[in-house]
């Protein structure tokens, strides 16, 4: 493959990553609505730990740096919590 073709492949992957983040954010927003309706707290540390454990396991399965993947997921979780708090 040429450099241009490889860069096009990266562009496609980047677009897919953003699409997945958008989908995840939509679901997280829906979860926030359910939590609000049920009077549940924004933060669920047990669930957050499960997400982090899954992220680490998936990183290992795909031979990706687990610390990097966990950092990305930590950021996603924190951003979702901030948005949930702002919308309450």
C-alpha atoms as a PDB file:
ATOM      1  CA  UNK A   1       0.000   0.000   0.000  1.00  0.00           C
ATOM      2  CA  UNK A   2       1.105   3.535  -0.678  1.00  0.00           C
ATOM      3  CA  UNK A   3       1.471   6.196   1.989  1.00  0.00           C
ATOM      4  CA  UNK A   4      -1.655   7.946   0.700  1.00  0.00           C
ATOM      5  CA  UNK A   5      -3.666   4.715   0.850  1.00  0.00           C
ATOM      6  CA  UNK A   6      -2.494   4.072   4.406  1.00  0.00           C
ATOM      7  CA  UNK A   7      -3.451   7.604   5.402  1.00  0.00           C
ATOM      8  CA  UNK A   8      -6.885   7.117   3.864  1.00  0.00           C
ATOM      9  CA  UNK A   9      -7.265   3.948   5.924  1.00  0.00           C
ATOM     10  CA  UNK A  10      -6.357   5.912   9.081  1.00  0.00           C
ATOM     11  CA  UNK A  11      -8.950   8.568   8.129  1.00  0.00           C
ATOM     12  CA  UNK A  12     -11.606   5.861   7.813  1.00  0.00           C
ATOM     13  CA  UNK A  13     -10.654   4.351  11.169  1.00  0.00           C
ATOM     14  CA  UNK A  14     -10.679   7.794  12.814  1.00  0.00           C
ATOM     15  CA  UNK A  15     -14.174   8.453  11.465  1.00  0.00           C
ATOM     16  CA  UNK A  16     -15.337   5.072  12.785  1.00  0.00           C
ATOM     17  CA  UNK A  17     -13.845   5.832  16.215  1.00  0.00           C
ATOM     18  CA  UNK A  18     -15.733   9.139  16.356  1.00  0.00           C
ATOM     19  CA  UNK A  19     -18.937   7.398  15.285  1.00  0.00           C
ATOM     20  CA  UNK A  20     -18.508   4.830  18.077  1.00  0.00           C
ATOM     21  CA  UNK A  21     -17.858   7.597  20.609  1.00  0.00           C
ATOM     22  CA  UNK A  22     -21.067   9.293  19.460  1.00  0.00           C
ATOM     23  CA  UNK A  23     -22.994   6.029  19.854  1.00  0.00           C
ATOM     24  CA  UNK A  24     -21.493   5.460  23.302  1.00  0.00           C
ATOM     25  CA  UNK A  25     -22.367   9.008  24.334  1.00  0.00           C
ATOM     26  CA  UNK A  26     -25.965   8.548  23.193  1.00  0.00           C
ATOM     27  CA  UNK A  27     -26.318   5.389  25.268  1.00  0.00           C
ATOM     28  CA  UNK A  28     -24.636   7.054  28.262  1.00  0.00           C
ATOM     29  CA  UNK A  29     -27.104   9.959  27.966  1.00  0.00           C
ATOM     30  CA  UNK A  30     -29.973   7.476  27.952  1.00  0.00           C
ATOM     31  CA  UNK A  31     -28.525   5.808  31.053  1.00  0.00           C
ATOM     32  CA  UNK A  32     -28.364   9.237  32.704  1.00  0.00           C
ATOM     33  CA  UNK A  33     -32.065   9.778  31.982  1.00  0.00           C
ATOM     34  CA  UNK A  34     -32.941   6.420  33.519  1.00  0.00           C
ATOM     35  CA  UNK A  35     -30.790   7.172  36.578  1.00  0.00           C
ATOM     36  CA  UNK A  36     -32.518  10.533  36.965  1.00  0.00           C
ATOM     37  CA  UNK A  37     -35.990   9.000  36.655  1.00  0.00           C
ATOM     38  CA  UNK A  38     -35.118   6.388  39.279  1.00  0.00           C
ATOM     39  CA  UNK A  39     -33.353   8.849  41.581  1.00  0.00           C
ATOM     40  CA  UNK A  40     -30.037   7.024  41.253  1.00  0.00           C
ATOM     41  CA  UNK A  41     -26.678   8.750  41.737  1.00  0.00           C
ATOM     42  CA  UNK A  42     -24.620   9.832  38.737  1.00  0.00           C
ATOM     43  CA  UNK A  43     -21.589   7.847  39.840  1.00  0.00           C
ATOM     44  CA  UNK A  44     -21.583   4.046  39.999  1.00  0.00           C
ATOM     45  CA  UNK A  45     -18.073   3.040  40.993  1.00  0.00           C
ATOM     46  CA  UNK A  46     -18.743  -0.686  40.604  1.00  0.00           C
ATOM     47  CA  UNK A  47     -19.945  -0.191  37.032  1.00  0.00           C
ATOM     48  CA  UNK A  48     -16.999   2.082  36.265  1.00  0.00           C
ATOM     49  CA  UNK A  49     -14.611  -0.607  37.511  1.00  0.00           C
ATOM     50  CA  UNK A  50     -16.307  -3.191  35.309  1.00  0.00           C
ATOM     51  CA  UNK A  51     -15.883  -0.893  32.305  1.00  0.00           C
ATOM     52  CA  UNK A  52     -12.206  -0.395  33.132  1.00  0.00           C
ATOM     53  CA  UNK A  53     -11.657  -4.140  33.590  1.00  0.00           C
ATOM     54  CA  UNK A  54     -13.325  -4.850  30.226  1.00  0.00           C
ATOM     55  CA  UNK A  55     -11.241  -2.149  28.565  1.00  0.00           C
ATOM     56  CA  UNK A  56      -8.045  -3.667  29.937  1.00  0.00           C
ATOM     57  CA  UNK A  57      -9.091  -7.156  28.863  1.00  0.00           C
ATOM     58  CA  UNK A  58      -9.987  -5.982  25.368  1.00  0.00           C
ATOM     59  CA  UNK A  59      -6.661  -4.168  25.112  1.00  0.00           C
ATOM     60  CA  UNK A  60      -4.818  -7.371  25.966  1.00  0.00           C
ATOM     61  CA  UNK A  61      -6.841  -9.379  23.437  1.00  0.00           C
ATOM     62  CA  UNK A  62      -5.926  -6.941  20.678  1.00  0.00           C
ATOM     63  CA  UNK A  63      -2.328  -6.482  21.883  1.00  0.00           C
ATOM     64  CA  UNK A  64      -2.787  -2.778  22.589  1.00  0.00           C
ATOM     65  CA  UNK A  65      -1.248  -0.914  25.524  1.00  0.00           C
ATOM     66  CA  UNK A  66      -3.755  -1.464  28.346  1.00  0.00           C
ATOM     67  CA  UNK A  67      -2.734   1.766  30.093  1.00  0.00           C
ATOM     68  CA  UNK A  68      -3.518   3.773  26.963  1.00  0.00           C
ATOM     69  CA  UNK A  69      -6.900   2.104  26.497  1.00  0.00           C
ATOM     70  CA  UNK A  70      -7.801   2.547  30.165  1.00  0.00           C
ATOM     71  CA  UNK A  71      -6.815   6.227  30.001  1.00  0.00           C
ATOM     72  CA  UNK A  72      -9.126   6.722  27.022  1.00  0.00           C
ATOM     73  CA  UNK A  73     -11.988   4.971  28.804  1.00  0.00           C
ATOM     74  CA  UNK A  74     -11.369   6.941  32.008  1.00  0.00           C
ATOM     75  CA  UNK A  75     -11.692  10.129  29.954  1.00  0.00           C
ATOM     76  CA  UNK A  76     -14.909   8.917  28.306  1.00  0.00           C
ATOM     77  CA  UNK A  77     -16.383   8.005  31.687  1.00  0.00           C
ATOM     78  CA  UNK A  78     -15.438  11.340  33.260  1.00  0.00           C
ATOM     79  CA  UNK A  79     -16.849  13.313  30.338  1.00  0.00           C
ATOM     80  CA  UNK A  80     -20.117  11.357  30.543  1.00  0.00           C
ATOM     81  CA  UNK A  81     -20.350  12.019  34.291  1.00  0.00           C
ATOM     82  CA  UNK A  82     -19.776  15.748  33.801  1.00  0.00           C
ATOM     83  CA  UNK A  83     -22.501  15.837  31.156  1.00  0.00           C
ATOM     84  CA  UNK A  84     -24.854  13.846  33.396  1.00  0.00           C
ATOM     85  CA  UNK A  85     -24.310  16.270  36.287  1.00  0.00           C
ATOM     86  CA  UNK A  86     -24.885  19.286  34.050  1.00  0.00           C
ATOM     87  CA  UNK A  87     -28.155  17.865  32.763  1.00  0.00           C
ATOM     88  CA  UNK A  88     -29.628  17.108  36.206  1.00  0.00           C
END
